[in-house]
Amino acid sequence: MITILNQHEKPVLFKGVAGTENNQFGFEGGTIVKLDGVYHLFTSEMVGMPMWVKMRLAHWISDDRLHFRRQSTLFESSGNYDGTDPRAAFWSPMPVYDELEGRWSLTYIAYRCAPDAPDRMLINHEGKIWRAVSAVLGEAGIGGPYEDAGILMQPGVDSDPWEGLQGTDSFYPYPVGDSWYAFYGSAHTQKFPIDWWGVGLASAPELAGPWQRCSSINPVLIDDKFVENPMVRQLEDGSYIAWFDGGPEDLGCRGTIGYSLSADGINWSKGNYVWLDSAKMDWQKLMRTPLCFIPEGDGVYTLYYTAMDHSGYGCIGLLDLKLS
């Protein structure tokens, strides 16, 4: 059972914080890693026009969980809006330490972008999963710089039928035994209305790949309407939990965060939901994406998430959760 111990009533990152001066629309997605007592935020910054196209992948740190300092821009997208650049928009930076290589591996999504057509969504389409590696060896290299090392997954002849024009919209790798698995997402954005955003699994012998879709068990039906950006943590008893963007009411809602459970990291339960107290969330208009599930001891976990405030700016909120 998951219980909310503390629902922080104000975001920890919002417009006006030092480091947000050139960030026009705020934060969306990514993850947070705790290393030697320091919280490392990797996130997508929606820095300019067109919104959701001109992007930066940024690294922030915090010593106390509550106050973050911007460290660097890891990558900046071109912002191209005519559909010709496969790296027009960048999203969802996910650092994972690769024991085999002895360095950090950072995956992120790159999209082509163009104005939406009447019958299809083109603002972010043909998503591909890129991998970058830290130039500095060891765990101390978490802050980069990162150098591109190629594409791990992309739409093509091996795409599953449930995947669509969006391409791959998220990617989160995690180890299971001697192998690696990853949630990835897609949607049929080539038609309106878009009836379902979904996720599937891919697997690889090593973090660097080669990655193959687990087509025989895809899609993973955590929710019948909307699942995006699952991030996975293995729990102390060996089971797994995946937190995801989605809610039972509509395409995301103000007061819920979803999670799925798995005994083996491969077979996942239907979604469960943690309901926030809306009376304490005056700043929050729309829940977006859970970023992490960090153990703090005695069954207590830190969960950060992105959400839009009433001006449409993407902020980062904080929950303290108890797992029993």
C-alpha atoms as a PDB file:
ATOM      1  CA  MET A   1       0.000   0.000   0.000  1.00  0.00           C
ATOM      2  CA  ILE A   2       1.187   3.522  -0.804  1.00  0.00           C
ATOM      3  CA  THR A   3       0.334   6.410   1.501  1.00  0.00           C
ATOM      4  CA  ILE A   4       1.008  10.115   1.073  1.00  0.00           C
ATOM      5  CA  LEU A   5       3.007  11.324   4.090  1.00  0.00           C
ATOM      6  CA  ASN A   6       3.544  14.878   2.898  1.00  0.00           C
ATOM      7  CA  GLN A   7       2.038  16.637  -0.082  1.00  0.00           C
ATOM      8  CA  HIS A   8       4.195  19.718  -0.569  1.00  0.00           C
ATOM      9  CA  GLU A   9       1.784  22.542  -1.263  1.00  0.00           C
ATOM     10  CA  LYS A  10       4.181  24.581  -3.412  1.00  0.00           C
ATOM     11  CA  PRO A  11       6.395  23.463  -6.314  1.00  0.00           C
ATOM     12  CA  VAL A  12      10.151  23.218  -5.785  1.00  0.00           C
ATOM     13  CA  LEU A  13      10.915  24.539  -9.281  1.00  0.00           C
ATOM     14  CA  PHE A  14       8.784  27.208 -10.924  1.00  0.00           C
ATOM     15  CA  LYS A  15       9.008  30.347 -13.032  1.00  0.00           C
ATOM     16  CA  GLY A  16      11.236  32.963 -11.410  1.00  0.00           C
ATOM     17  CA  VAL A  17      13.674  30.584  -9.721  1.00  0.00           C
ATOM     18  CA  ALA A  18      17.282  31.447 -10.563  1.00  0.00           C
ATOM     19  CA  GLY A  19      18.172  29.515 -13.710  1.00  0.00           C
ATOM     20  CA  THR A  20      14.727  29.785 -15.327  1.00  0.00           C
ATOM     21  CA  GLU A  21      15.310  33.188 -16.917  1.00  0.00           C
ATOM     22  CA  ASN A  22      15.550  31.759 -20.456  1.00  0.00           C
ATOM     23  CA  ASN A  23      12.952  29.050 -19.952  1.00  0.00           C
ATOM     24  CA  GLN A  24       9.710  30.346 -21.445  1.00  0.00           C
ATOM     25  CA  PHE A  25       7.325  27.461 -20.761  1.00  0.00           C
ATOM     26  CA  GLY A  26       8.913  25.455 -17.941  1.00  0.00           C
ATOM     27  CA  PHE A  27       9.802  21.811 -17.346  1.00  0.00           C
ATOM     28  CA  GLU A  28       8.440  18.487 -18.573  1.00  0.00           C
ATOM     29  CA  GLY A  29       9.605  14.932 -17.988  1.00  0.00           C
ATOM     30  CA  GLY A  30      13.001  13.435 -17.283  1.00  0.00           C
ATOM     31  CA  THR A  31      14.125  11.929 -13.990  1.00  0.00           C
ATOM     32  CA  ILE A  32      15.954  12.591 -10.718  1.00  0.00           C
ATOM     33  CA  VAL A  33      18.858  10.492  -9.422  1.00  0.00           C
ATOM     34  CA  LYS A  34      20.154  10.644  -5.842  1.00  0.00           C
ATOM     35  CA  LEU A  35      23.916  10.124  -5.694  1.00  0.00           C
ATOM     36  CA  ASP A  36      26.022  10.623  -2.543  1.00  0.00           C
ATOM     37  CA  GLY A  37      23.243  12.656  -0.951  1.00  0.00           C
ATOM     38  CA  VAL A  38      22.846  15.002  -3.934  1.00  0.00           C
ATOM     39  CA  TYR A  39      19.686  15.057  -6.060  1.00  0.00           C
ATOM     40  CA  HIS A  40      20.439  15.308  -9.789  1.00  0.00           C
ATOM     41  CA  LEU A  41      17.543  16.501 -11.949  1.00  0.00           C
ATOM     42  CA  PHE A  42      17.617  15.766 -15.680  1.00  0.00           C
ATOM     43  CA  THR A  43      14.688  17.406 -17.435  1.00  0.00           C
ATOM     44  CA  SER A  44      13.330  18.850 -20.670  1.00  0.00           C
ATOM     45  CA  GLU A  45      13.144  22.647 -20.632  1.00  0.00           C
ATOM     46  CA  MET A  46      10.554  24.185 -22.980  1.00  0.00           C
ATOM     47  CA  VAL A  47      12.665  27.245 -23.635  1.00  0.00           C
ATOM     48  CA  GLY A  48      11.028  28.986 -26.592  1.00  0.00           C
ATOM     49  CA  MET A  49       8.794  29.038 -29.627  1.00  0.00           C
ATOM     50  CA  PRO A  50       7.397  26.923 -31.053  1.00  0.00           C
ATOM     51  CA  MET A  51       6.299  25.510 -27.697  1.00  0.00           C
ATOM     52  CA  TRP A  52       7.307  21.830 -27.289  1.00  0.00           C
ATOM     53  CA  VAL A  53       9.761  22.208 -30.194  1.00  0.00           C
ATOM     54  CA  LYS A  54      12.555  24.558 -29.084  1.00  0.00           C
ATOM     55  CA  MET A  55      13.955  22.519 -26.197  1.00  0.00           C
ATOM     56  CA  ARG A  56      16.945  22.101 -23.908  1.00  0.00           C
ATOM     57  CA  LEU A  57      17.949  19.054 -21.889  1.00  0.00           C
ATOM     58  CA  ALA A  58      19.264  20.391 -18.595  1.00  0.00           C
ATOM     59  CA  HIS A  59      21.016  19.210 -15.427  1.00  0.00           C
ATOM     60  CA  TRP A  60      20.079  20.715 -12.031  1.00  0.00           C
ATOM     61  CA  ILE A  61      21.211  19.672  -8.531  1.00  0.00           C
ATOM     62  CA  SER A  62      19.905  19.976  -4.968  1.00  0.00           C
ATOM     63  CA  ASP A  63      21.517  19.227  -1.604  1.00  0.00           C
ATOM     64  CA  ASP A  64      18.283  19.445   0.414  1.00  0.00           C
ATOM     65  CA  ARG A  65      15.525  18.193  -1.994  1.00  0.00           C
ATOM     66  CA  LEU A  66      13.846  21.625  -1.935  1.00  0.00           C
ATOM     67  CA  HIS A  67      16.196  24.076  -3.641  1.00  0.00           C
ATOM     68  CA  PHE A  68      17.703  23.319  -7.044  1.00  0.00           C
ATOM     69  CA  ARG A  69      20.614  25.001  -8.859  1.00  0.00           C
ATOM     70  CA  ARG A  70      20.982  24.818 -12.614  1.00  0.00           C
ATOM     71  CA  GLN A  71      24.296  23.276 -13.647  1.00  0.00           C
ATOM     72  CA  SER A  72      24.357  22.985 -17.420  1.00  0.00           C
ATOM     73  CA  THR A  73      22.607  22.539 -20.748  1.00  0.00           C
ATOM     74  CA  LEU A  74      23.368  19.014 -21.974  1.00  0.00           C
ATOM     75  CA  PHE A  75      21.763  19.310 -25.416  1.00  0.00           C
ATOM     76  CA  GLU A  76      19.735  21.958 -27.253  1.00  0.00           C
ATOM     77  CA  SER A  77      17.388  21.143 -30.120  1.00  0.00           C
ATOM     78  CA  SER A  78      17.256  23.060 -33.373  1.00  0.00           C
ATOM     79  CA  GLY A  79      13.619  24.136 -33.018  1.00  0.00           C
ATOM     80  CA  ASN A  80      13.152  23.469 -36.757  1.00  0.00           C
ATOM     81  CA  TYR A  81       9.436  23.546 -37.608  1.00  0.00           C
ATOM     82  CA  ASP A  82       9.200  22.423 -41.225  1.00  0.00           C
ATOM     83  CA  GLY A  83       9.574  18.659 -40.664  1.00  0.00           C
ATOM     84  CA  THR A  84      13.030  18.352 -42.226  1.00  0.00           C
ATOM     85  CA  ASP A  85      15.191  17.992 -39.095  1.00  0.00           C
ATOM     86  CA  PRO A  86      15.014  14.654 -37.186  1.00  0.00           C
ATOM     87  CA  ARG A  87      16.464  16.461 -34.140  1.00  0.00           C
ATOM     88  CA  ALA A  88      14.060  19.396 -34.025  1.00  0.00           C
ATOM     89  CA  ALA A  89      12.829  18.702 -30.464  1.00  0.00           C
ATOM     90  CA  PHE A  90      14.437  16.847 -27.531  1.00  0.00           C
ATOM     91  CA  TRP A  91      12.567  15.207 -24.634  1.00  0.00           C
ATOM     92  CA  SER A  92      12.884  12.904 -21.618  1.00  0.00           C
ATOM     93  CA  PRO A  93      16.565  12.677 -20.620  1.00  0.00           C
ATOM     94  CA  MET A  94      17.144   9.480 -18.598  1.00  0.00           C
ATOM     95  CA  PRO A  95      20.612   8.823 -17.100  1.00  0.00           C
ATOM     96  CA  VAL A  96      21.443   5.241 -16.120  1.00  0.00           C
ATOM     97  CA  TYR A  97      24.814   4.090 -14.822  1.00  0.00           C
ATOM     98  CA  ASP A  98      26.285   1.375 -17.036  1.00  0.00           C
ATOM     99  CA  GLU A  99      28.454  -0.922 -14.899  1.00  0.00           C
ATOM    100  CA  LEU A 100      29.784  -2.652 -18.011  1.00  0.00           C
ATOM    101  CA  GLU A 101      31.145   0.563 -19.525  1.00  0.00           C
ATOM    102  CA  GLY A 102      31.850   2.258 -16.186  1.00  0.00           C
ATOM    103  CA  ARG A 103      30.094   5.462 -17.197  1.00  0.00           C
ATOM    104  CA  TRP A 104      26.664   7.103 -17.367  1.00  0.00           C
ATOM    105  CA  SER A 105      24.409   6.460 -20.323  1.00  0.00           C
ATOM    106  CA  LEU A 106      21.822   9.150 -21.125  1.00  0.00           C
ATOM    107  CA  THR A 107      18.855   8.255 -23.333  1.00  0.00           C
ATOM    108  CA  TYR A 108      16.556  10.898 -24.797  1.00  0.00           C
ATOM    109  CA  ILE A 109      13.970  11.303 -27.576  1.00  0.00           C
ATOM    110  CA  ALA A 110      14.482  13.374 -30.726  1.00  0.00           C
ATOM    111  CA  TYR A 111      11.519  14.308 -32.956  1.00  0.00           C
ATOM    112  CA  ARG A 112      10.761  15.859 -36.304  1.00  0.00           C
ATOM    113  CA  CYS A 113       8.372  18.791 -35.891  1.00  0.00           C
ATOM    114  CA  ALA A 114       5.907  20.623 -38.135  1.00  0.00           C
ATOM    115  CA  PRO A 115       2.549  22.405 -37.704  1.00  0.00           C
ATOM    116  CA  ASP A 116      -0.317  19.992 -37.078  1.00  0.00           C
ATOM    117  CA  ALA A 117      -2.485  19.073 -40.060  1.00  0.00           C
ATOM    118  CA  PRO A 118      -6.290  18.706 -39.802  1.00  0.00           C
ATOM    119  CA  ASP A 119      -6.000  14.902 -39.741  1.00  0.00           C
ATOM    120  CA  ARG A 120      -2.715  14.314 -37.957  1.00  0.00           C
ATOM    121  CA  MET A 121      -0.459  15.543 -35.149  1.00  0.00           C
ATOM    122  CA  LEU A 122       2.913  16.623 -36.510  1.00  0.00           C
ATOM    123  CA  ILE A 123       4.290  18.859 -33.769  1.00  0.00           C
ATOM    124  CA  ASN A 124       6.327  15.902 -32.422  1.00  0.00           C
ATOM    125  CA  HIS A 125       6.497  12.900 -34.757  1.00  0.00           C
ATOM    126  CA  GLU A 126       8.871  10.141 -35.873  1.00  0.00           C
ATOM    127  CA  GLY A 127      10.439   9.990 -32.414  1.00  0.00           C
ATOM    128  CA  LYS A 128      13.772   8.181 -32.125  1.00  0.00           C
ATOM    129  CA  ILE A 129      15.626   7.066 -28.987  1.00  0.00           C
ATOM    130  CA  TRP A 130      19.152   8.465 -28.848  1.00  0.00           C
ATOM    131  CA  ARG A 131      21.879   7.357 -26.449  1.00  0.00           C
ATOM    132  CA  ALA A 132      24.662   9.605 -25.208  1.00  0.00           C
ATOM    133  CA  VAL A 133      27.527   8.640 -22.899  1.00  0.00           C
ATOM    134  CA  SER A 134      29.381  10.619 -20.261  1.00  0.00           C
ATOM    135  CA  ALA A 135      32.822  11.772 -21.309  1.00  0.00           C
ATOM    136  CA  VAL A 136      33.945  11.332 -17.688  1.00  0.00           C
ATOM    137  CA  LEU A 137      34.329   7.759 -16.439  1.00  0.00           C
ATOM    138  CA  GLY A 138      32.825   6.615 -13.140  1.00  0.00           C
ATOM    139  CA  GLU A 139      29.769   7.733 -11.200  1.00  0.00           C
ATOM    140  CA  ALA A 140      31.294  11.195 -10.768  1.00  0.00           C
ATOM    141  CA  GLY A 141      30.626  11.778 -14.477  1.00  0.00           C
ATOM    142  CA  ILE A 142      26.860  12.049 -13.932  1.00  0.00           C
ATOM    143  CA  GLY A 143      26.849  15.738 -14.840  1.00  0.00           C
ATOM    144  CA  GLY A 144      28.463  15.137 -18.221  1.00  0.00           C
ATOM    145  CA  PRO A 145      29.430  16.383 -20.681  1.00  0.00           C
ATOM    146  CA  TYR A 146      27.590  13.779 -22.743  1.00  0.00           C
ATOM    147  CA  GLU A 147      28.504  12.703 -26.266  1.00  0.00           C
ATOM    148  CA  ASP A 148      26.019  11.138 -28.679  1.00  0.00           C
ATOM    149  CA  ALA A 149      26.641   7.429 -29.265  1.00  0.00           C
ATOM    150  CA  GLY A 150      23.870   6.555 -31.727  1.00  0.00           C
ATOM    151  CA  ILE A 151      20.209   5.576 -31.965  1.00  0.00           C
ATOM    152  CA  LEU A 152      18.839   2.712 -29.823  1.00  0.00           C
ATOM    153  CA  MET A 153      15.279   2.501 -31.209  1.00  0.00           C
ATOM    154  CA  GLN A 154      13.306   4.102 -34.002  1.00  0.00           C
ATOM    155  CA  PRO A 155      10.161   3.537 -36.042  1.00  0.00           C
ATOM    156  CA  GLY A 156      10.623   1.193 -38.984  1.00  0.00           C
ATOM    157  CA  VAL A 157       9.804  -2.208 -40.415  1.00  0.00           C
ATOM    158  CA  ASP A 158      10.081  -3.826 -36.963  1.00  0.00           C
ATOM    159  CA  SER A 159       7.570  -1.436 -35.346  1.00  0.00           C
ATOM    160  CA  ASP A 160       4.512  -3.090 -33.791  1.00  0.00           C
ATOM    161  CA  PRO A 161       1.037  -2.365 -35.254  1.00  0.00           C
ATOM    162  CA  TRP A 162       0.014  -0.355 -32.178  1.00  0.00           C
ATOM    163  CA  GLU A 163       2.841   2.120 -32.818  1.00  0.00           C
ATOM    164  CA  GLY A 164       2.046   5.134 -34.961  1.00  0.00           C
ATOM    165  CA  LEU A 165       3.229   8.371 -36.521  1.00  0.00           C
ATOM    166  CA  GLN A 166       4.469   9.608 -33.151  1.00  0.00           C
ATOM    167  CA  GLY A 167       7.314   7.103 -33.297  1.00  0.00           C
ATOM    168  CA  THR A 168       8.801   6.327 -29.885  1.00  0.00           C
ATOM    169  CA  ASP A 169       7.614   8.869 -27.309  1.00  0.00           C
ATOM    170  CA  SER A 170       9.442   7.662 -24.192  1.00  0.00           C
ATOM    171  CA  PHE A 171      12.150   5.224 -23.116  1.00  0.00           C
ATOM    172  CA  TYR A 172      13.182   4.043 -19.652  1.00  0.00           C
ATOM    173  CA  PRO A 173      15.799   1.243 -19.392  1.00  0.00           C
ATOM    174  CA  TYR A 174      16.169  -0.928 -16.279  1.00  0.00           C
ATOM    175  CA  PRO A 175      18.027  -4.189 -15.480  1.00  0.00           C
ATOM    176  CA  VAL A 176      16.245  -7.515 -15.004  1.00  0.00           C
ATOM    177  CA  GLY A 177      18.678 -10.251 -14.061  1.00  0.00           C
ATOM    178  CA  ASP A 178      21.449 -10.324 -16.662  1.00  0.00           C
ATOM    179  CA  SER A 179      19.361  -8.503 -19.280  1.00  0.00           C
ATOM    180  CA  TRP A 180      17.978  -5.021 -19.824  1.00  0.00           C
ATOM    181  CA  TYR A 181      14.364  -4.067 -20.429  1.00  0.00           C
ATOM    182  CA  ALA A 182      12.815  -0.723 -21.260  1.00  0.00           C
ATOM    183  CA  PHE A 183       9.356   0.756 -21.493  1.00  0.00           C
ATOM    184  CA  TYR A 184       8.819   2.716 -24.681  1.00  0.00           C
ATOM    185  CA  GLY A 185       5.694   4.487 -25.891  1.00  0.00           C
ATOM    186  CA  SER A 186       3.860   5.471 -29.054  1.00  0.00           C
ATOM    187  CA  ALA A 187       0.486   6.597 -30.406  1.00  0.00           C
ATOM    188  CA  HIS A 188      -1.448   6.686 -33.657  1.00  0.00           C
ATOM    189  CA  THR A 189      -1.146  10.456 -34.005  1.00  0.00           C
ATOM    190  CA  GLN A 190      -1.879  10.123 -37.731  1.00  0.00           C
ATOM    191  CA  LYS A 191      -5.601  10.148 -36.987  1.00  0.00           C
ATOM    192  CA  PHE A 192      -8.078  12.204 -34.936  1.00  0.00           C
ATOM    193  CA  PRO A 193      -9.390  11.678 -32.397  1.00  0.00           C
ATOM    194  CA  ILE A 194      -6.352   9.899 -30.953  1.00  0.00           C
ATOM    195  CA  ASP A 195      -8.003   7.085 -29.020  1.00  0.00           C
ATOM    196  CA  TRP A 196      -5.043   5.663 -27.075  1.00  0.00           C
ATOM    197  CA  TRP A 197      -1.484   6.423 -25.985  1.00  0.00           C
ATOM    198  CA  GLY A 198       0.256   3.196 -25.067  1.00  0.00           C
ATOM    199  CA  VAL A 199       3.497   1.534 -24.012  1.00  0.00           C
ATOM    200  CA  GLY A 200       5.380  -1.633 -24.778  1.00  0.00           C
ATOM    201  CA  LEU A 201       8.571  -3.360 -23.702  1.00  0.00           C
ATOM    202  CA  ALA A 202      11.893  -3.765 -25.470  1.00  0.00           C
ATOM    203  CA  SER A 203      14.855  -5.853 -24.327  1.00  0.00           C
ATOM    204  CA  ALA A 204      18.607  -5.966 -24.878  1.00  0.00           C
ATOM    205  CA  PRO A 205      21.576  -7.987 -23.624  1.00  0.00           C
ATOM    206  CA  GLU A 206      23.391  -4.767 -22.717  1.00  0.00           C
ATOM    207  CA  LEU A 207      22.354  -1.177 -22.091  1.00  0.00           C
ATOM    208  CA  ALA A 208      24.091  -0.181 -25.317  1.00  0.00           C
ATOM    209  CA  GLY A 209      21.915  -2.691 -27.210  1.00  0.00           C
ATOM    210  CA  PRO A 210      20.957  -4.082 -29.596  1.00  0.00           C
ATOM    211  CA  TRP A 211      17.375  -3.362 -28.489  1.00  0.00           C
ATOM    212  CA  GLN A 212      14.464  -5.427 -29.791  1.00  0.00           C
ATOM    213  CA  ARG A 213      10.740  -4.970 -29.248  1.00  0.00           C
ATOM    214  CA  CYS A 214       9.037  -7.637 -27.120  1.00  0.00           C
ATOM    215  CA  SER A 215       6.321  -7.920 -29.758  1.00  0.00           C
ATOM    216  CA  SER A 216       4.797 -11.126 -28.362  1.00  0.00           C
ATOM    217  CA  ILE A 217       3.680  -9.346 -25.175  1.00  0.00           C
ATOM    218  CA  ASN A 218       3.171  -5.806 -26.530  1.00  0.00           C
ATOM    219  CA  PRO A 219       1.416  -3.504 -25.939  1.00  0.00           C
ATOM    220  CA  VAL A 220       1.523  -3.588 -22.138  1.00  0.00           C
ATOM    221  CA  LEU A 221      -2.058  -2.695 -21.195  1.00  0.00           C
ATOM    222  CA  ILE A 222      -1.472  -0.820 -17.958  1.00  0.00           C
ATOM    223  CA  ASP A 223      -4.350   1.508 -18.876  1.00  0.00           C
ATOM    224  CA  ASP A 224      -6.959   1.400 -21.655  1.00  0.00           C
ATOM    225  CA  LYS A 225      -6.716   5.116 -22.506  1.00  0.00           C
ATOM    226  CA  PHE A 226      -3.420   6.742 -21.689  1.00  0.00           C
ATOM    227  CA  VAL A 227      -0.023   5.651 -20.394  1.00  0.00           C
ATOM    228  CA  GLU A 228       3.130   7.635 -21.047  1.00  0.00           C
ATOM    229  CA  ASN A 229       6.663   7.939 -19.650  1.00  0.00           C
ATOM    230  CA  PRO A 230       6.787   4.979 -17.211  1.00  0.00           C
ATOM    231  CA  MET A 231       9.848   5.039 -14.957  1.00  0.00           C
ATOM    232  CA  VAL A 232      10.820   1.878 -13.081  1.00  0.00           C
ATOM    233  CA  ARG A 233      12.407   1.073  -9.735  1.00  0.00           C
ATOM    234  CA  GLN A 234      13.175  -2.332  -8.265  1.00  0.00           C
ATOM    235  CA  LEU A 235      11.950  -2.585  -4.671  1.00  0.00           C
ATOM    236  CA  GLU A 236      13.709  -4.188  -1.710  1.00  0.00           C
ATOM    237  CA  ASP A 237      11.731  -7.438  -2.041  1.00  0.00           C
ATOM    238  CA  GLY A 238      12.882  -7.839  -5.655  1.00  0.00           C
ATOM    239  CA  SER A 239       9.602  -6.767  -7.261  1.00  0.00           C
ATOM    240  CA  TYR A 240       9.240  -3.709  -9.484  1.00  0.00           C
ATOM    241  CA  ILE A 241       7.112  -0.562  -9.559  1.00  0.00           C
ATOM    242  CA  ALA A 242       6.536   1.664 -12.597  1.00  0.00           C
ATOM    243  CA  TRP A 243       5.180   5.180 -12.117  1.00  0.00           C
ATOM    244  CA  PHE A 244       3.556   6.692 -15.192  1.00  0.00           C
ATOM    245  CA  ASP A 245       1.837   9.745 -16.622  1.00  0.00           C
ATOM    246  CA  GLY A 246      -1.897   9.100 -16.868  1.00  0.00           C
ATOM    247  CA  GLY A 247      -5.112   9.204 -14.915  1.00  0.00           C
ATOM    248  CA  PRO A 248      -8.473   7.433 -14.796  1.00  0.00           C
ATOM    249  CA  GLU A 249     -10.494  10.544 -15.684  1.00  0.00           C
ATOM    250  CA  ASP A 250      -8.972  11.722 -18.971  1.00  0.00           C
ATOM    251  CA  LEU A 251      -5.597  12.357 -20.626  1.00  0.00           C
ATOM    252  CA  GLY A 252      -3.975  13.246 -17.342  1.00  0.00           C
ATOM    253  CA  CYS A 253      -5.827  14.932 -14.510  1.00  0.00           C
ATOM    254  CA  ARG A 254      -5.114  17.377 -11.739  1.00  0.00           C
ATOM    255  CA  GLY A 255      -4.867  15.048  -8.801  1.00  0.00           C
ATOM    256  CA  THR A 256      -3.626  11.523  -9.629  1.00  0.00           C
ATOM    257  CA  ILE A 257      -0.347   9.741 -10.324  1.00  0.00           C
ATOM    258  CA  GLY A 258      -0.455   6.212 -11.720  1.00  0.00           C
ATOM    259  CA  TYR A 259       1.657   3.171 -10.920  1.00  0.00           C
ATOM    260  CA  SER A 260       1.882  -0.464 -11.988  1.00  0.00           C
ATOM    261  CA  LEU A 261       3.448  -3.423 -10.168  1.00  0.00           C
ATOM    262  CA  SER A 262       5.420  -6.408 -11.415  1.00  0.00           C
ATOM    263  CA  ALA A 263       6.918  -9.459  -9.738  1.00  0.00           C
ATOM    264  CA  ASP A 264       9.481 -10.027 -12.478  1.00  0.00           C
ATOM    265  CA  GLY A 265       9.901  -6.683 -14.303  1.00  0.00           C
ATOM    266  CA  ILE A 266       8.245  -8.102 -17.427  1.00  0.00           C
ATOM    267  CA  ASN A 267       4.577  -8.793 -16.596  1.00  0.00           C
ATOM    268  CA  TRP A 268       2.820  -5.668 -15.311  1.00  0.00           C
ATOM    269  CA  SER A 269      -0.440  -5.069 -13.446  1.00  0.00           C
ATOM    270  CA  LYS A 270      -3.269  -2.780 -14.435  1.00  0.00           C
ATOM    271  CA  GLY A 271      -2.735   0.773 -13.246  1.00  0.00           C
ATOM    272  CA  ASN A 272      -3.284   1.857  -9.660  1.00  0.00           C
ATOM    273  CA  TYR A 273      -3.582   5.516  -8.675  1.00  0.00           C
ATOM    274  CA  VAL A 274      -2.468   7.779  -5.857  1.00  0.00           C
ATOM    275  CA  TRP A 275      -4.978  10.588  -5.376  1.00  0.00           C
ATOM    276  CA  LEU A 276      -3.659  13.942  -4.226  1.00  0.00           C
ATOM    277  CA  ASP A 277      -5.636  16.300  -2.006  1.00  0.00           C
ATOM    278  CA  SER A 278      -6.782  18.922  -4.519  1.00  0.00           C
ATOM    279  CA  ALA A 279      -7.439  21.415  -1.734  1.00  0.00           C
ATOM    280  CA  LYS A 280      -3.670  21.558  -1.158  1.00  0.00           C
ATOM    281  CA  MET A 281      -2.827  22.016  -4.825  1.00  0.00           C
ATOM    282  CA  ASP A 282      -3.903  25.579  -5.592  1.00  0.00           C
ATOM    283  CA  TRP A 283      -0.907  26.082  -7.872  1.00  0.00           C
ATOM    284  CA  GLN A 284      -1.448  22.942  -9.932  1.00  0.00           C
ATOM    285  CA  LYS A 285      -3.735  22.882 -12.968  1.00  0.00           C
ATOM    286  CA  LEU A 286      -2.655  19.708 -14.785  1.00  0.00           C
ATOM    287  CA  MET A 287      -0.669  16.716 -13.540  1.00  0.00           C
ATOM    288  CA  ARG A 288       1.981  15.560 -15.987  1.00  0.00           C
ATOM    289  CA  THR A 289       4.889  13.170 -15.416  1.00  0.00           C
ATOM    290  CA  PRO A 290       6.377  11.376 -12.371  1.00  0.00           C
ATOM    291  CA  LEU A 291      10.162  11.709 -12.349  1.00  0.00           C
ATOM    292  CA  CYS A 292      11.472   9.302  -9.706  1.00  0.00           C
ATOM    293  CA  PHE A 293      10.804   7.073  -6.703  1.00  0.00           C
ATOM    294  CA  ILE A 294      13.827   7.528  -4.436  1.00  0.00           C
ATOM    295  CA  PRO A 295      14.169   5.456  -1.225  1.00  0.00           C
ATOM    296  CA  GLU A 296      14.965   7.550   1.840  1.00  0.00           C
ATOM    297  CA  GLY A 297      14.839   4.749   4.455  1.00  0.00           C
ATOM    298  CA  ASP A 298      12.133   3.123   6.613  1.00  0.00           C
ATOM    299  CA  GLY A 299       9.845   2.634   3.612  1.00  0.00           C
ATOM    300  CA  VAL A 300       9.724   6.362   2.832  1.00  0.00           C
ATOM    301  CA  TYR A 301      10.215   7.516  -0.771  1.00  0.00           C
ATOM    302  CA  THR A 302      10.662  10.844  -2.525  1.00  0.00           C
ATOM    303  CA  LEU A 303       8.594  11.326  -5.667  1.00  0.00           C
ATOM    304  CA  TYR A 304       9.059  14.417  -7.835  1.00  0.00           C
ATOM    305  CA  TYR A 305       6.738  15.124 -10.753  1.00  0.00           C
ATOM    306  CA  THR A 306       6.063  17.768 -13.380  1.00  0.00           C
ATOM    307  CA  ALA A 307       2.751  19.611 -13.534  1.00  0.00           C
ATOM    308  CA  MET A 308       1.433  22.750 -15.196  1.00  0.00           C
ATOM    309  CA  ASP A 309       0.410  25.754 -13.121  1.00  0.00           C
ATOM    310  CA  HIS A 310      -2.563  27.951 -14.031  1.00  0.00           C
ATOM    311  CA  SER A 311      -0.475  30.015 -16.443  1.00  0.00           C
ATOM    312  CA  GLY A 312       0.555  26.866 -18.343  1.00  0.00           C
ATOM    313  CA  TYR A 313       4.116  26.904 -17.003  1.00  0.00           C
ATOM    314  CA  GLY A 314       5.607  23.478 -16.279  1.00  0.00           C
ATOM    315  CA  CYS A 315       6.673  23.254 -12.622  1.00  0.00           C
ATOM    316  CA  ILE A 316       8.141  20.473 -10.480  1.00  0.00           C
ATOM    317  CA  GLY A 317       6.221  19.264  -7.442  1.00  0.00           C
ATOM    318  CA  LEU A 318       7.187  16.977  -4.567  1.00  0.00           C
ATOM    319  CA  LEU A 319       5.541  14.159  -2.606  1.00  0.00           C
ATOM    320  CA  ASP A 320       6.769  12.090   0.356  1.00  0.00           C
ATOM    321  CA  LEU A 321       5.300   8.592   0.101  1.00  0.00           C
ATOM    322  CA  LYS A 322       5.214   5.567   2.418  1.00  0.00           C
ATOM    323  CA  LEU A 323       5.345   2.067   0.948  1.00  0.00           C
ATOM    324  CA  SER A 324       4.108  -0.795   3.094  1.00  0.00           C
END
